[in-house]
Amino acid sequence: MKKRVFIVSYPRSGNMFVRTLLAHIAFPDKEWTVKEITTKFAVDLYHLHKADVSFYTEPRLYKSHAKYSESIEPVIYVYRNGLSVANSLYNRFSRRPRFEMNWEDYYEWFMRGHKKWGKWSEHVETWMFNRTKQVPFISIKYEDLVLNPVPEIRKMLSFLEWYREKDDIDKAICQTQSFYYQKYRGQSKKSFVDFKYFNDFKKKNEKLLKELGYNL
């Protein structure tokens, strides 16, 4: 059995969603909080000192938004349409009191790439298609996980060597839906993407989007 597995993604690509599902599968009778999932169950690679051994699983799970690195393995890589990622990040940043950037300026900033995470396209492309070392690796498309979760969950469970019945999976899905309802209740999410940005993003990333299975 693998001793550890990293759940890797670009920010706002479904990493938390995956960890929430797996937390409810691993500990189905526990009422999870965001803080417990992020600091105890699947801990950020850069905050290992916060780990709580009472929630250890085999393999041990870690979360990361890191750029591709040969030292990070085995990996469950979660990806999402980059335009949805940009919109989700902007919604999140907009709730911060001192954030004053408009969507147009933010979109240009997003396309240039974050100094820590890099560009969305480079992050996804290197992890998905340009790995320089063959390691245990699976990819999870966020949109598929949301729309048809059971096959994607079974893929992850097989990778983790966790064996669960269909009823256990269904229960975890319901628990995760309830978790997210409580987490985002009362929060409005806006779409800032119009045809101008849709066409620009498609033009700049068309090959990669097709390779990822997005038929735009």
N, C-alpha and C. Protein backbone atom coordinates (compact mmCIF):
# COMPACT_ATOMS: atom_id res chain seq x y z
N MET A 1 0.84 -1.21 0.00
CA MET A 1 0.00 0.00 0.00
C MET A 1 0.87 1.25 0.00
N LYS A 2 0.40 2.29 -0.71
CA LYS A 2 1.11 3.56 -0.71
C LYS A 2 1.12 4.14 0.70
N LYS A 3 2.25 4.74 1.09
CA LYS A 3 2.34 5.33 2.42
C LYS A 3 1.74 6.73 2.47
N ARG A 4 1.77 7.40 1.34
CA ARG A 4 1.22 8.76 1.27
C ARG A 4 0.73 9.02 -0.13
N VAL A 5 -0.22 9.95 -0.25
CA VAL A 5 -0.73 10.38 -1.56
C VAL A 5 -0.98 11.87 -1.49
N PHE A 6 -0.56 12.58 -2.53
CA PHE A 6 -0.76 14.02 -2.61
C PHE A 6 -1.96 14.32 -3.51
N ILE A 7 -2.85 15.16 -3.01
CA ILE A 7 -3.97 15.66 -3.81
C ILE A 7 -3.55 17.04 -4.30
N VAL A 8 -3.27 17.13 -5.58
CA VAL A 8 -2.65 18.32 -6.16
C VAL A 8 -3.62 18.98 -7.14
N SER A 9 -3.61 20.31 -7.16
CA SER A 9 -4.43 21.04 -8.13
C SER A 9 -3.97 22.49 -8.18
N TYR A 10 -4.37 23.18 -9.22
CA TYR A 10 -4.31 24.64 -9.22
C TYR A 10 -5.41 25.11 -8.27
N PRO A 11 -5.22 26.25 -7.59
CA PRO A 11 -6.26 26.72 -6.66
C PRO A 11 -7.64 26.85 -7.32
N ARG A 12 -8.67 26.58 -6.55
CA ARG A 12 -10.08 26.68 -6.95
C ARG A 12 -10.43 25.70 -8.07
N SER A 13 -9.79 24.54 -8.03
CA SER A 13 -10.03 23.54 -9.07
C SER A 13 -10.74 22.29 -8.55
N GLY A 14 -11.14 22.30 -7.28
CA GLY A 14 -11.85 21.17 -6.73
C GLY A 14 -11.09 20.37 -5.70
N ASN A 15 -9.94 20.86 -5.28
CA ASN A 15 -9.13 20.14 -4.30
C ASN A 15 -9.90 19.94 -2.99
N MET A 16 -10.54 21.00 -2.52
CA MET A 16 -11.30 20.90 -1.28
C MET A 16 -12.49 19.97 -1.44
N PHE A 17 -13.10 19.97 -2.59
CA PHE A 17 -14.23 19.08 -2.85
C PHE A 17 -13.80 17.62 -2.77
N VAL A 18 -12.67 17.31 -3.35
CA VAL A 18 -12.13 15.96 -3.30
C VAL A 18 -11.81 15.56 -1.86
N ARG A 19 -11.15 16.43 -1.13
CA ARG A 19 -10.80 16.12 0.25
C ARG A 19 -12.03 15.93 1.13
N THR A 20 -13.07 16.72 0.87
CA THR A 20 -14.31 16.59 1.64
C THR A 20 -14.98 15.24 1.38
N LEU A 21 -15.03 14.85 0.12
CA LEU A 21 -15.58 13.54 -0.22
C LEU A 21 -14.81 12.41 0.47
N LEU A 22 -13.49 12.48 0.36
CA LEU A 22 -12.66 11.42 0.94
C LEU A 22 -12.73 11.41 2.46
N ALA A 23 -12.87 12.57 3.07
CA ALA A 23 -13.00 12.65 4.53
C ALA A 23 -14.28 11.94 4.99
N HIS A 24 -15.37 12.16 4.26
CA HIS A 24 -16.63 11.52 4.62
C HIS A 24 -16.62 10.02 4.32
N ILE A 25 -15.83 9.61 3.34
CA ILE A 25 -15.69 8.19 3.07
C ILE A 25 -14.84 7.52 4.15
N ALA A 26 -13.75 8.17 4.54
CA ALA A 26 -12.84 7.59 5.53
C ALA A 26 -13.45 7.56 6.93
N PHE A 27 -14.19 8.63 7.29
CA PHE A 27 -14.80 8.73 8.62
C PHE A 27 -16.27 9.12 8.46
N PRO A 28 -17.11 8.17 8.08
CA PRO A 28 -18.50 8.48 7.71
C PRO A 28 -19.38 8.98 8.85
N ASP A 29 -19.00 8.72 10.10
CA ASP A 29 -19.83 9.11 11.23
C ASP A 29 -19.42 10.45 11.84
N LYS A 30 -18.40 11.07 11.26
CA LYS A 30 -17.93 12.35 11.80
C LYS A 30 -18.56 13.53 11.07
N GLU A 31 -18.93 14.56 11.81
CA GLU A 31 -19.42 15.80 11.22
C GLU A 31 -18.21 16.73 11.02
N TRP A 32 -17.76 16.80 9.79
CA TRP A 32 -16.53 17.53 9.48
C TRP A 32 -16.76 19.03 9.41
N THR A 33 -15.72 19.78 9.74
CA THR A 33 -15.68 21.22 9.51
C THR A 33 -14.58 21.52 8.50
N VAL A 34 -14.63 22.69 7.89
CA VAL A 34 -13.59 23.08 6.94
C VAL A 34 -12.22 23.05 7.61
N LYS A 35 -12.14 23.60 8.81
CA LYS A 35 -10.85 23.67 9.51
C LYS A 35 -10.28 22.28 9.76
N GLU A 36 -11.14 21.34 10.15
CA GLU A 36 -10.65 19.99 10.44
C GLU A 36 -10.16 19.29 9.19
N ILE A 37 -10.87 19.47 8.08
CA ILE A 37 -10.44 18.84 6.83
C ILE A 37 -9.10 19.41 6.37
N THR A 38 -8.96 20.72 6.50
CA THR A 38 -7.76 21.38 5.96
C THR A 38 -6.56 21.29 6.90
N THR A 39 -6.78 21.10 8.19
CA THR A 39 -5.65 21.10 9.13
C THR A 39 -5.43 19.75 9.81
N LYS A 40 -6.35 18.81 9.60
CA LYS A 40 -6.21 17.52 10.29
C LYS A 40 -6.28 16.33 9.35
N PHE A 41 -7.21 16.36 8.38
CA PHE A 41 -7.42 15.18 7.55
C PHE A 41 -6.44 15.10 6.39
N ALA A 42 -6.49 16.08 5.51
CA ALA A 42 -5.56 16.14 4.37
C ALA A 42 -4.84 17.47 4.46
N VAL A 43 -3.70 17.47 5.10
CA VAL A 43 -3.01 18.69 5.50
C VAL A 43 -2.20 19.27 4.35
N ASP A 44 -2.17 20.61 4.30
CA ASP A 44 -1.36 21.30 3.30
C ASP A 44 0.10 20.89 3.46
N LEU A 45 0.73 20.66 2.33
CA LEU A 45 2.13 20.24 2.31
C LEU A 45 3.03 21.18 3.10
N TYR A 46 2.64 22.47 3.17
CA TYR A 46 3.47 23.47 3.84
C TYR A 46 3.02 23.72 5.28
N HIS A 47 2.06 22.93 5.78
CA HIS A 47 1.59 23.10 7.16
C HIS A 47 1.53 21.75 7.87
N LEU A 48 2.56 20.95 7.68
CA LEU A 48 2.55 19.61 8.24
C LEU A 48 2.56 19.61 9.77
N HIS A 49 3.01 20.70 10.37
CA HIS A 49 3.06 20.78 11.82
C HIS A 49 1.67 20.79 12.44
N LYS A 50 0.63 21.04 11.60
CA LYS A 50 -0.73 21.11 12.11
C LYS A 50 -1.44 19.75 12.07
N ALA A 51 -0.77 18.76 11.54
CA ALA A 51 -1.42 17.45 11.35
C ALA A 51 -1.85 16.85 12.68
N ASP A 52 -2.98 16.17 12.66
CA ASP A 52 -3.53 15.51 13.84
C ASP A 52 -3.54 14.00 13.58
N VAL A 53 -2.76 13.26 14.34
CA VAL A 53 -2.60 11.83 14.07
C VAL A 53 -3.90 11.05 14.25
N SER A 54 -4.87 11.62 14.97
CA SER A 54 -6.12 10.89 15.19
C SER A 54 -6.93 10.76 13.91
N PHE A 55 -6.59 11.54 12.88
CA PHE A 55 -7.31 11.46 11.62
C PHE A 55 -6.41 10.93 10.50
N TYR A 56 -5.37 10.24 10.86
CA TYR A 56 -4.50 9.65 9.84
C TYR A 56 -5.23 8.52 9.11
N THR A 57 -4.96 8.41 7.84
CA THR A 57 -5.47 7.31 7.03
C THR A 57 -4.27 6.61 6.40
N GLU A 58 -4.51 5.46 5.85
CA GLU A 58 -3.49 4.77 5.05
C GLU A 58 -4.02 4.65 3.64
N PRO A 59 -3.36 5.27 2.66
CA PRO A 59 -2.18 6.13 2.80
C PRO A 59 -2.53 7.49 3.42
N ARG A 60 -1.53 8.16 3.95
CA ARG A 60 -1.71 9.50 4.51
C ARG A 60 -1.92 10.47 3.36
N LEU A 61 -2.89 11.38 3.52
CA LEU A 61 -3.23 12.32 2.44
C LEU A 61 -2.68 13.71 2.72
N TYR A 62 -2.16 14.33 1.66
CA TYR A 62 -1.65 15.70 1.74
C TYR A 62 -2.22 16.50 0.58
N LYS A 63 -2.39 17.79 0.82
CA LYS A 63 -2.91 18.69 -0.21
C LYS A 63 -1.82 19.63 -0.68
N SER A 64 -1.82 19.94 -1.99
CA SER A 64 -0.81 20.86 -2.50
C SER A 64 -1.32 21.57 -3.75
N HIS A 65 -0.91 22.83 -3.90
CA HIS A 65 -1.12 23.59 -5.14
C HIS A 65 0.21 23.79 -5.88
N ALA A 66 1.20 23.02 -5.51
CA ALA A 66 2.55 23.23 -6.03
C ALA A 66 2.63 22.99 -7.53
N LYS A 67 3.58 23.69 -8.15
CA LYS A 67 3.92 23.39 -9.53
C LYS A 67 4.50 21.98 -9.60
N TYR A 68 4.62 21.46 -10.81
CA TYR A 68 5.11 20.10 -10.97
C TYR A 68 6.49 19.92 -10.32
N SER A 69 6.60 18.82 -9.58
CA SER A 69 7.87 18.47 -8.96
C SER A 69 7.98 16.96 -8.91
N GLU A 70 9.13 16.43 -9.25
CA GLU A 70 9.34 14.98 -9.21
C GLU A 70 9.26 14.43 -7.79
N SER A 71 9.45 15.29 -6.80
CA SER A 71 9.46 14.83 -5.41
C SER A 71 8.05 14.64 -4.85
N ILE A 72 7.05 15.16 -5.54
CA ILE A 72 5.67 15.04 -5.08
C ILE A 72 5.03 13.85 -5.77
N GLU A 73 4.88 12.76 -5.06
CA GLU A 73 4.28 11.55 -5.62
C GLU A 73 4.03 10.54 -4.49
N PRO A 74 3.01 9.68 -4.71
CA PRO A 74 2.02 9.53 -5.79
C PRO A 74 1.02 10.70 -5.77
N VAL A 75 0.27 10.85 -6.86
CA VAL A 75 -0.55 12.05 -7.03
C VAL A 75 -1.95 11.73 -7.55
N ILE A 76 -2.94 12.36 -6.90
CA ILE A 76 -4.27 12.52 -7.48
C ILE A 76 -4.32 13.97 -7.95
N TYR A 77 -4.35 14.18 -9.26
CA TYR A 77 -4.35 15.54 -9.79
C TYR A 77 -5.77 15.93 -10.20
N VAL A 78 -6.24 17.04 -9.64
CA VAL A 78 -7.59 17.53 -9.89
C VAL A 78 -7.51 18.76 -10.78
N TYR A 79 -8.23 18.75 -11.89
CA TYR A 79 -8.20 19.91 -12.78
C TYR A 79 -9.60 20.38 -13.13
N ARG A 80 -9.67 21.65 -13.53
CA ARG A 80 -10.95 22.30 -13.83
C ARG A 80 -10.72 23.29 -14.96
N ASN A 81 -11.75 23.54 -15.73
CA ASN A 81 -11.66 24.53 -16.80
C ASN A 81 -11.07 25.84 -16.25
N GLY A 82 -10.02 26.32 -16.89
CA GLY A 82 -9.30 27.48 -16.38
C GLY A 82 -10.12 28.74 -16.28
N LEU A 83 -11.10 28.91 -17.15
CA LEU A 83 -11.94 30.10 -17.08
C LEU A 83 -12.84 30.05 -15.84
N SER A 84 -13.31 28.86 -15.50
CA SER A 84 -14.08 28.69 -14.26
C SER A 84 -13.20 28.92 -13.05
N VAL A 85 -11.94 28.50 -13.14
CA VAL A 85 -10.98 28.74 -12.05
C VAL A 85 -10.79 30.24 -11.84
N ALA A 86 -10.60 30.97 -12.94
CA ALA A 86 -10.40 32.42 -12.85
C ALA A 86 -11.60 33.10 -12.21
N ASN A 87 -12.80 32.70 -12.64
CA ASN A 87 -14.03 33.30 -12.11
C ASN A 87 -14.18 32.99 -10.62
N SER A 88 -13.88 31.74 -10.24
CA SER A 88 -14.00 31.34 -8.84
C SER A 88 -12.99 32.07 -7.96
N LEU A 89 -11.77 32.21 -8.45
CA LEU A 89 -10.76 32.95 -7.68
C LEU A 89 -11.17 34.41 -7.50
N TYR A 90 -11.72 35.00 -8.57
CA TYR A 90 -12.13 36.41 -8.47
C TYR A 90 -13.27 36.58 -7.46
N ASN A 91 -14.22 35.66 -7.46
CA ASN A 91 -15.29 35.71 -6.46
C ASN A 91 -14.72 35.65 -5.06
N ARG A 92 -13.73 34.78 -4.88
CA ARG A 92 -13.13 34.64 -3.55
C ARG A 92 -12.37 35.89 -3.14
N PHE A 93 -11.53 36.40 -4.04
CA PHE A 93 -10.76 37.61 -3.73
C PHE A 93 -11.67 38.80 -3.49
N SER A 94 -12.79 38.87 -4.21
CA SER A 94 -13.70 40.02 -4.10
C SER A 94 -14.33 40.15 -2.72
N ARG A 95 -14.35 39.05 -1.98
CA ARG A 95 -14.92 39.11 -0.62
C ARG A 95 -13.93 39.66 0.40
N ARG A 96 -12.68 39.88 -0.04
CA ARG A 96 -11.69 40.45 0.87
C ARG A 96 -11.86 41.96 0.95
N PRO A 97 -11.82 42.54 2.14
CA PRO A 97 -12.13 43.97 2.31
C PRO A 97 -11.25 44.90 1.48
N ARG A 98 -9.99 44.60 1.31
CA ARG A 98 -9.07 45.52 0.65
C ARG A 98 -8.84 45.19 -0.83
N PHE A 99 -9.57 44.23 -1.34
CA PHE A 99 -9.40 43.86 -2.75
C PHE A 99 -10.22 44.82 -3.61
N GLU A 100 -9.54 45.54 -4.52
CA GLU A 100 -10.21 46.56 -5.32
C GLU A 100 -10.02 46.37 -6.82
N MET A 101 -9.38 45.29 -7.25
CA MET A 101 -9.12 45.07 -8.67
C MET A 101 -10.42 44.73 -9.41
N ASN A 102 -10.63 45.37 -10.56
CA ASN A 102 -11.81 45.02 -11.35
C ASN A 102 -11.55 43.74 -12.13
N TRP A 103 -12.62 43.17 -12.69
CA TRP A 103 -12.49 41.88 -13.38
C TRP A 103 -11.55 41.95 -14.56
N GLU A 104 -11.59 43.01 -15.33
CA GLU A 104 -10.74 43.11 -16.52
C GLU A 104 -9.26 43.06 -16.15
N ASP A 105 -8.87 43.84 -15.13
CA ASP A 105 -7.47 43.85 -14.69
C ASP A 105 -7.10 42.51 -14.06
N TYR A 106 -8.05 41.96 -13.31
CA TYR A 106 -7.78 40.67 -12.68
C TYR A 106 -7.57 39.59 -13.74
N TYR A 107 -8.37 39.56 -14.78
CA TYR A 107 -8.24 38.54 -15.83
C TYR A 107 -6.85 38.61 -16.46
N GLU A 108 -6.36 39.81 -16.72
CA GLU A 108 -5.02 39.96 -17.28
C GLU A 108 -3.97 39.44 -16.30
N TRP A 109 -4.18 39.72 -15.02
CA TRP A 109 -3.25 39.23 -13.98
C TRP A 109 -3.29 37.70 -13.94
N PHE A 110 -4.47 37.13 -13.99
CA PHE A 110 -4.61 35.67 -13.96
C PHE A 110 -3.90 35.03 -15.15
N MET A 111 -4.03 35.61 -16.31
CA MET A 111 -3.42 35.03 -17.51
C MET A 111 -1.89 35.13 -17.46
N ARG A 112 -1.36 36.12 -16.76
CA ARG A 112 0.09 36.23 -16.63
C ARG A 112 0.65 35.17 -15.67
N GLY A 113 -0.18 34.75 -14.72
CA GLY A 113 0.24 33.70 -13.80
C GLY A 113 0.62 34.21 -12.43
N HIS A 114 0.27 33.45 -11.42
CA HIS A 114 0.59 33.77 -10.04
C HIS A 114 2.07 33.45 -9.79
N LYS A 115 2.74 34.26 -8.99
CA LYS A 115 4.17 34.08 -8.75
C LYS A 115 4.47 32.75 -8.05
N LYS A 116 3.51 32.22 -7.30
CA LYS A 116 3.71 30.98 -6.58
C LYS A 116 3.22 29.77 -7.37
N TRP A 117 2.04 29.88 -7.98
CA TRP A 117 1.42 28.74 -8.68
C TRP A 117 1.74 28.72 -10.16
N GLY A 118 2.16 29.86 -10.72
CA GLY A 118 2.38 29.95 -12.15
C GLY A 118 1.08 30.13 -12.92
N LYS A 119 1.14 29.96 -14.23
CA LYS A 119 -0.07 30.04 -15.06
C LYS A 119 -0.90 28.78 -14.89
N TRP A 120 -2.22 28.94 -15.00
CA TRP A 120 -3.10 27.77 -14.96
C TRP A 120 -2.70 26.77 -16.04
N SER A 121 -2.47 27.26 -17.25
CA SER A 121 -2.17 26.38 -18.38
C SER A 121 -0.87 25.60 -18.15
N GLU A 122 0.15 26.26 -17.63
CA GLU A 122 1.43 25.59 -17.40
C GLU A 122 1.32 24.58 -16.27
N HIS A 123 0.58 24.93 -15.24
CA HIS A 123 0.39 24.04 -14.10
C HIS A 123 -0.27 22.75 -14.55
N VAL A 124 -1.37 22.89 -15.27
CA VAL A 124 -2.13 21.71 -15.72
C VAL A 124 -1.33 20.91 -16.75
N GLU A 125 -0.72 21.59 -17.68
CA GLU A 125 -0.02 20.90 -18.76
C GLU A 125 1.16 20.08 -18.25
N THR A 126 1.93 20.65 -17.33
CA THR A 126 3.09 19.91 -16.83
C THR A 126 2.67 18.71 -15.99
N TRP A 127 1.66 18.88 -15.14
CA TRP A 127 1.22 17.77 -14.31
C TRP A 127 0.55 16.69 -15.15
N MET A 128 -0.23 17.09 -16.14
CA MET A 128 -1.01 16.13 -16.90
C MET A 128 -0.22 15.45 -18.02
N PHE A 129 0.63 16.20 -18.70
CA PHE A 129 1.20 15.68 -19.94
C PHE A 129 2.73 15.71 -20.03
N ASN A 130 3.38 16.49 -19.18
CA ASN A 130 4.83 16.66 -19.33
C ASN A 130 5.61 16.22 -18.10
N ARG A 131 5.10 15.23 -17.38
CA ARG A 131 5.84 14.75 -16.22
C ARG A 131 7.14 14.08 -16.67
N THR A 132 8.21 14.39 -15.95
CA THR A 132 9.53 13.87 -16.34
C THR A 132 9.88 12.58 -15.59
N LYS A 133 8.99 12.15 -14.70
CA LYS A 133 9.23 10.94 -13.93
C LYS A 133 7.94 10.14 -13.87
N GLN A 134 8.02 8.85 -14.16
CA GLN A 134 6.84 8.00 -14.12
C GLN A 134 6.56 7.59 -12.67
N VAL A 135 5.43 8.08 -12.15
CA VAL A 135 5.03 7.79 -10.77
C VAL A 135 3.56 7.40 -10.77
N PRO A 136 3.07 6.76 -9.70
CA PRO A 136 1.64 6.49 -9.59
C PRO A 136 0.85 7.80 -9.68
N PHE A 137 -0.07 7.86 -10.62
CA PHE A 137 -0.74 9.14 -10.93
C PHE A 137 -2.11 8.86 -11.52
N ILE A 138 -3.12 9.57 -11.03
CA ILE A 138 -4.43 9.59 -11.69
C ILE A 138 -4.89 11.04 -11.76
N SER A 139 -5.75 11.33 -12.70
CA SER A 139 -6.32 12.66 -12.83
C SER A 139 -7.83 12.60 -12.64
N ILE A 140 -8.37 13.65 -12.04
CA ILE A 140 -9.80 13.78 -11.80
C ILE A 140 -10.27 15.10 -12.40
N LYS A 141 -11.20 15.01 -13.32
CA LYS A 141 -11.78 16.21 -13.92
C LYS A 141 -12.91 16.68 -13.01
N TYR A 142 -12.79 17.90 -12.51
CA TYR A 142 -13.74 18.41 -11.52
C TYR A 142 -15.17 18.37 -12.03
N GLU A 143 -15.38 18.76 -13.26
CA GLU A 143 -16.73 18.80 -13.81
C GLU A 143 -17.36 17.40 -13.85
N ASP A 144 -16.56 16.38 -14.16
CA ASP A 144 -17.07 15.01 -14.15
C ASP A 144 -17.39 14.55 -12.74
N LEU A 145 -16.57 14.95 -11.79
CA LEU A 145 -16.78 14.57 -10.40
C LEU A 145 -18.09 15.17 -9.87
N VAL A 146 -18.42 16.37 -10.29
CA VAL A 146 -19.65 17.02 -9.84
C VAL A 146 -20.88 16.41 -10.52
N LEU A 147 -20.79 16.20 -11.83
CA LEU A 147 -21.95 15.75 -12.59
C LEU A 147 -22.21 14.25 -12.47
N ASN A 148 -21.16 13.46 -12.36
CA ASN A 148 -21.30 12.01 -12.28
C ASN A 148 -20.25 11.48 -11.31
N PRO A 149 -20.47 11.67 -10.02
CA PRO A 149 -19.38 11.45 -9.05
C PRO A 149 -18.95 10.01 -8.84
N VAL A 150 -19.85 9.05 -8.96
CA VAL A 150 -19.51 7.68 -8.56
C VAL A 150 -18.32 7.10 -9.31
N PRO A 151 -18.26 7.19 -10.66
CA PRO A 151 -17.09 6.63 -11.36
C PRO A 151 -15.77 7.29 -10.95
N GLU A 152 -15.80 8.60 -10.73
CA GLU A 152 -14.58 9.30 -10.33
C GLU A 152 -14.17 8.93 -8.91
N ILE A 153 -15.14 8.76 -8.04
CA ILE A 153 -14.84 8.35 -6.67
C ILE A 153 -14.26 6.94 -6.66
N ARG A 154 -14.83 6.05 -7.45
CA ARG A 154 -14.31 4.68 -7.53
C ARG A 154 -12.86 4.67 -8.04
N LYS A 155 -12.56 5.57 -8.98
CA LYS A 155 -11.20 5.67 -9.48
C LYS A 155 -10.24 6.06 -8.35
N MET A 156 -10.65 7.02 -7.53
CA MET A 156 -9.81 7.46 -6.42
C MET A 156 -9.67 6.36 -5.36
N LEU A 157 -10.76 5.70 -5.06
CA LEU A 157 -10.71 4.64 -4.05
C LEU A 157 -9.81 3.50 -4.49
N SER A 158 -9.86 3.16 -5.76
CA SER A 158 -8.98 2.11 -6.28
C SER A 158 -7.52 2.53 -6.15
N PHE A 159 -7.24 3.79 -6.46
CA PHE A 159 -5.88 4.32 -6.36
C PHE A 159 -5.39 4.28 -4.92
N LEU A 160 -6.29 4.61 -3.98
CA LEU A 160 -5.94 4.65 -2.56
C LEU A 160 -5.98 3.26 -1.92
N GLU A 161 -6.53 2.31 -2.65
CA GLU A 161 -6.73 0.96 -2.12
C GLU A 161 -7.68 0.97 -0.93
N TRP A 162 -8.71 1.80 -1.05
CA TRP A 162 -9.80 1.81 -0.09
C TRP A 162 -10.98 1.09 -0.73
N TYR A 163 -11.57 0.20 -0.02
CA TYR A 163 -12.67 -0.58 -0.58
C TYR A 163 -13.96 -0.25 0.16
N ARG A 164 -14.92 0.28 -0.58
CA ARG A 164 -16.19 0.70 0.01
C ARG A 164 -17.35 0.20 -0.84
N GLU A 165 -18.47 -0.03 -0.18
CA GLU A 165 -19.69 -0.43 -0.87
C GLU A 165 -20.35 0.79 -1.50
N LYS A 166 -21.26 0.52 -2.44
CA LYS A 166 -21.96 1.61 -3.14
C LYS A 166 -22.73 2.48 -2.14
N ASP A 167 -23.32 1.88 -1.12
CA ASP A 167 -24.06 2.66 -0.12
C ASP A 167 -23.15 3.64 0.62
N ASP A 168 -21.91 3.22 0.88
CA ASP A 168 -20.95 4.10 1.55
C ASP A 168 -20.61 5.30 0.68
N ILE A 169 -20.46 5.06 -0.62
CA ILE A 169 -20.16 6.14 -1.56
C ILE A 169 -21.34 7.10 -1.66
N ASP A 170 -22.53 6.56 -1.77
CA ASP A 170 -23.73 7.40 -1.86
C ASP A 170 -23.90 8.26 -0.61
N LYS A 171 -23.61 7.66 0.55
CA LYS A 171 -23.71 8.42 1.79
C LYS A 171 -22.71 9.57 1.82
N ALA A 172 -21.48 9.32 1.37
CA ALA A 172 -20.45 10.36 1.36
C ALA A 172 -20.82 11.49 0.40
N ILE A 173 -21.44 11.15 -0.72
CA ILE A 173 -21.88 12.17 -1.68
C ILE A 173 -22.93 13.07 -1.04
N CYS A 174 -23.91 12.47 -0.36
CA CYS A 174 -24.96 13.24 0.30
C CYS A 174 -24.38 14.11 1.42
N GLN A 175 -23.44 13.56 2.19
CA GLN A 175 -22.81 14.33 3.27
C GLN A 175 -22.03 15.51 2.71
N THR A 176 -21.35 15.29 1.59
CA THR A 176 -20.56 16.36 0.98
C THR A 176 -21.46 17.46 0.42
N GLN A 177 -22.57 17.07 -0.18
CA GLN A 177 -23.52 18.07 -0.68
C GLN A 177 -24.06 18.92 0.47
N SER A 178 -24.37 18.28 1.58
CA SER A 178 -24.86 19.01 2.75
C SER A 178 -23.78 19.92 3.31
N PHE A 179 -22.55 19.42 3.34
CA PHE A 179 -21.40 20.20 3.82
C PHE A 179 -21.25 21.48 3.01
N TYR A 180 -21.33 21.36 1.69
CA TYR A 180 -21.15 22.53 0.83
C TYR A 180 -22.34 23.48 0.89
N TYR A 181 -23.52 22.95 1.11
CA TYR A 181 -24.69 23.82 1.29
C TYR A 181 -24.50 24.70 2.52
N GLN A 182 -24.04 24.10 3.61
CA GLN A 182 -23.81 24.86 4.84
C GLN A 182 -22.65 25.83 4.68
N LYS A 183 -21.61 25.41 3.97
CA LYS A 183 -20.43 26.24 3.81
C LYS A 183 -20.73 27.51 3.02
N TYR A 184 -21.52 27.39 1.96
CA TYR A 184 -21.74 28.52 1.05
C TYR A 184 -23.11 29.15 1.18
N ARG A 185 -23.89 28.73 2.16
CA ARG A 185 -25.22 29.29 2.33
C ARG A 185 -25.14 30.79 2.56
N GLY A 186 -25.89 31.54 1.79
CA GLY A 186 -25.91 33.00 1.94
C GLY A 186 -24.85 33.72 1.13
N GLN A 187 -23.92 32.98 0.50
CA GLN A 187 -22.89 33.61 -0.32
C GLN A 187 -23.33 33.64 -1.78
N SER A 188 -23.24 34.78 -2.39
CA SER A 188 -23.60 34.90 -3.81
C SER A 188 -22.35 34.71 -4.67
N LYS A 189 -22.54 34.01 -5.77
CA LYS A 189 -21.44 33.78 -6.72
C LYS A 189 -21.83 34.38 -8.06
N LYS A 190 -20.99 35.26 -8.55
CA LYS A 190 -21.29 35.94 -9.81
C LYS A 190 -20.42 35.38 -10.93
N SER A 191 -20.95 35.44 -12.13
CA SER A 191 -20.16 35.07 -13.30
C SER A 191 -19.72 36.36 -13.99
N PHE A 192 -18.42 36.50 -14.17
CA PHE A 192 -17.86 37.69 -14.79
C PHE A 192 -17.42 37.42 -16.23
N VAL A 193 -17.66 36.20 -16.69
CA VAL A 193 -17.18 35.78 -18.00
C VAL A 193 -18.22 36.10 -19.07
N ASP A 194 -17.84 36.89 -20.06
CA ASP A 194 -18.70 37.11 -21.22
C ASP A 194 -17.98 36.58 -22.46
N PHE A 195 -18.56 36.81 -23.63
CA PHE A 195 -18.00 36.25 -24.86
C PHE A 195 -16.58 36.75 -25.12
N LYS A 196 -16.29 37.97 -24.74
CA LYS A 196 -14.96 38.53 -24.95
C LYS A 196 -13.90 37.67 -24.25
N TYR A 197 -14.12 37.35 -22.98
CA TYR A 197 -13.14 36.58 -22.22
C TYR A 197 -13.19 35.10 -22.60
N PHE A 198 -14.38 34.61 -22.89
CA PHE A 198 -14.51 33.22 -23.34
C PHE A 198 -13.70 33.00 -24.61
N ASN A 199 -13.86 33.88 -25.58
CA ASN A 199 -13.14 33.72 -26.85
C ASN A 199 -11.64 33.92 -26.68
N ASP A 200 -11.25 34.87 -25.84
CA ASP A 200 -9.82 35.10 -25.61
C ASP A 200 -9.18 33.89 -24.94
N PHE A 201 -9.84 33.36 -23.93
CA PHE A 201 -9.27 32.21 -23.21
C PHE A 201 -9.21 30.99 -24.12
N LYS A 202 -10.26 30.78 -24.90
CA LYS A 202 -10.28 29.65 -25.83
C LYS A 202 -9.16 29.76 -26.86
N LYS A 203 -8.97 30.95 -27.41
CA LYS A 203 -7.95 31.17 -28.42
C LYS A 203 -6.55 30.86 -27.87
N LYS A 204 -6.30 31.26 -26.63
CA LYS A 204 -4.97 31.11 -26.05
C LYS A 204 -4.72 29.70 -25.50
N ASN A 205 -5.79 28.93 -25.29
CA ASN A 205 -5.63 27.61 -24.65
C ASN A 205 -6.36 26.49 -25.38
N GLU A 206 -6.69 26.71 -26.64
CA GLU A 206 -7.57 25.77 -27.34
C GLU A 206 -7.01 24.35 -27.38
N LYS A 207 -5.73 24.19 -27.69
CA LYS A 207 -5.14 22.86 -27.78
C LYS A 207 -5.20 22.14 -26.44
N LEU A 208 -4.83 22.82 -25.38
CA LEU A 208 -4.84 22.22 -24.05
C LEU A 208 -6.26 21.87 -23.62
N LEU A 209 -7.20 22.76 -23.86
CA LEU A 209 -8.58 22.50 -23.48
C LEU A 209 -9.13 21.25 -24.17
N LYS A 210 -8.79 21.07 -25.43
CA LYS A 210 -9.24 19.87 -26.15
C LYS A 210 -8.59 18.62 -25.58
N GLU A 211 -7.31 18.71 -25.23
CA GLU A 211 -6.62 17.56 -24.65
C GLU A 211 -7.21 17.18 -23.30
N LEU A 212 -7.76 18.16 -22.61
CA LEU A 212 -8.36 17.91 -21.30
C LEU A 212 -9.82 17.46 -21.40
N GLY A 213 -10.35 17.49 -22.61
CA GLY A 213 -11.73 17.01 -22.82
C GLY A 213 -12.79 18.07 -22.75
N TYR A 214 -12.39 19.34 -22.94
CA TYR A 214 -13.36 20.42 -22.97
C TYR A 214 -13.68 20.77 -24.40
N ASN A 215 -14.91 20.54 -24.80
CA ASN A 215 -15.32 20.81 -26.17
C ASN A 215 -16.02 22.16 -26.21
N LEU A 216 -15.23 23.20 -26.33
CA LEU A 216 -15.76 24.57 -26.30
C LEU A 216 -16.16 25.03 -27.68
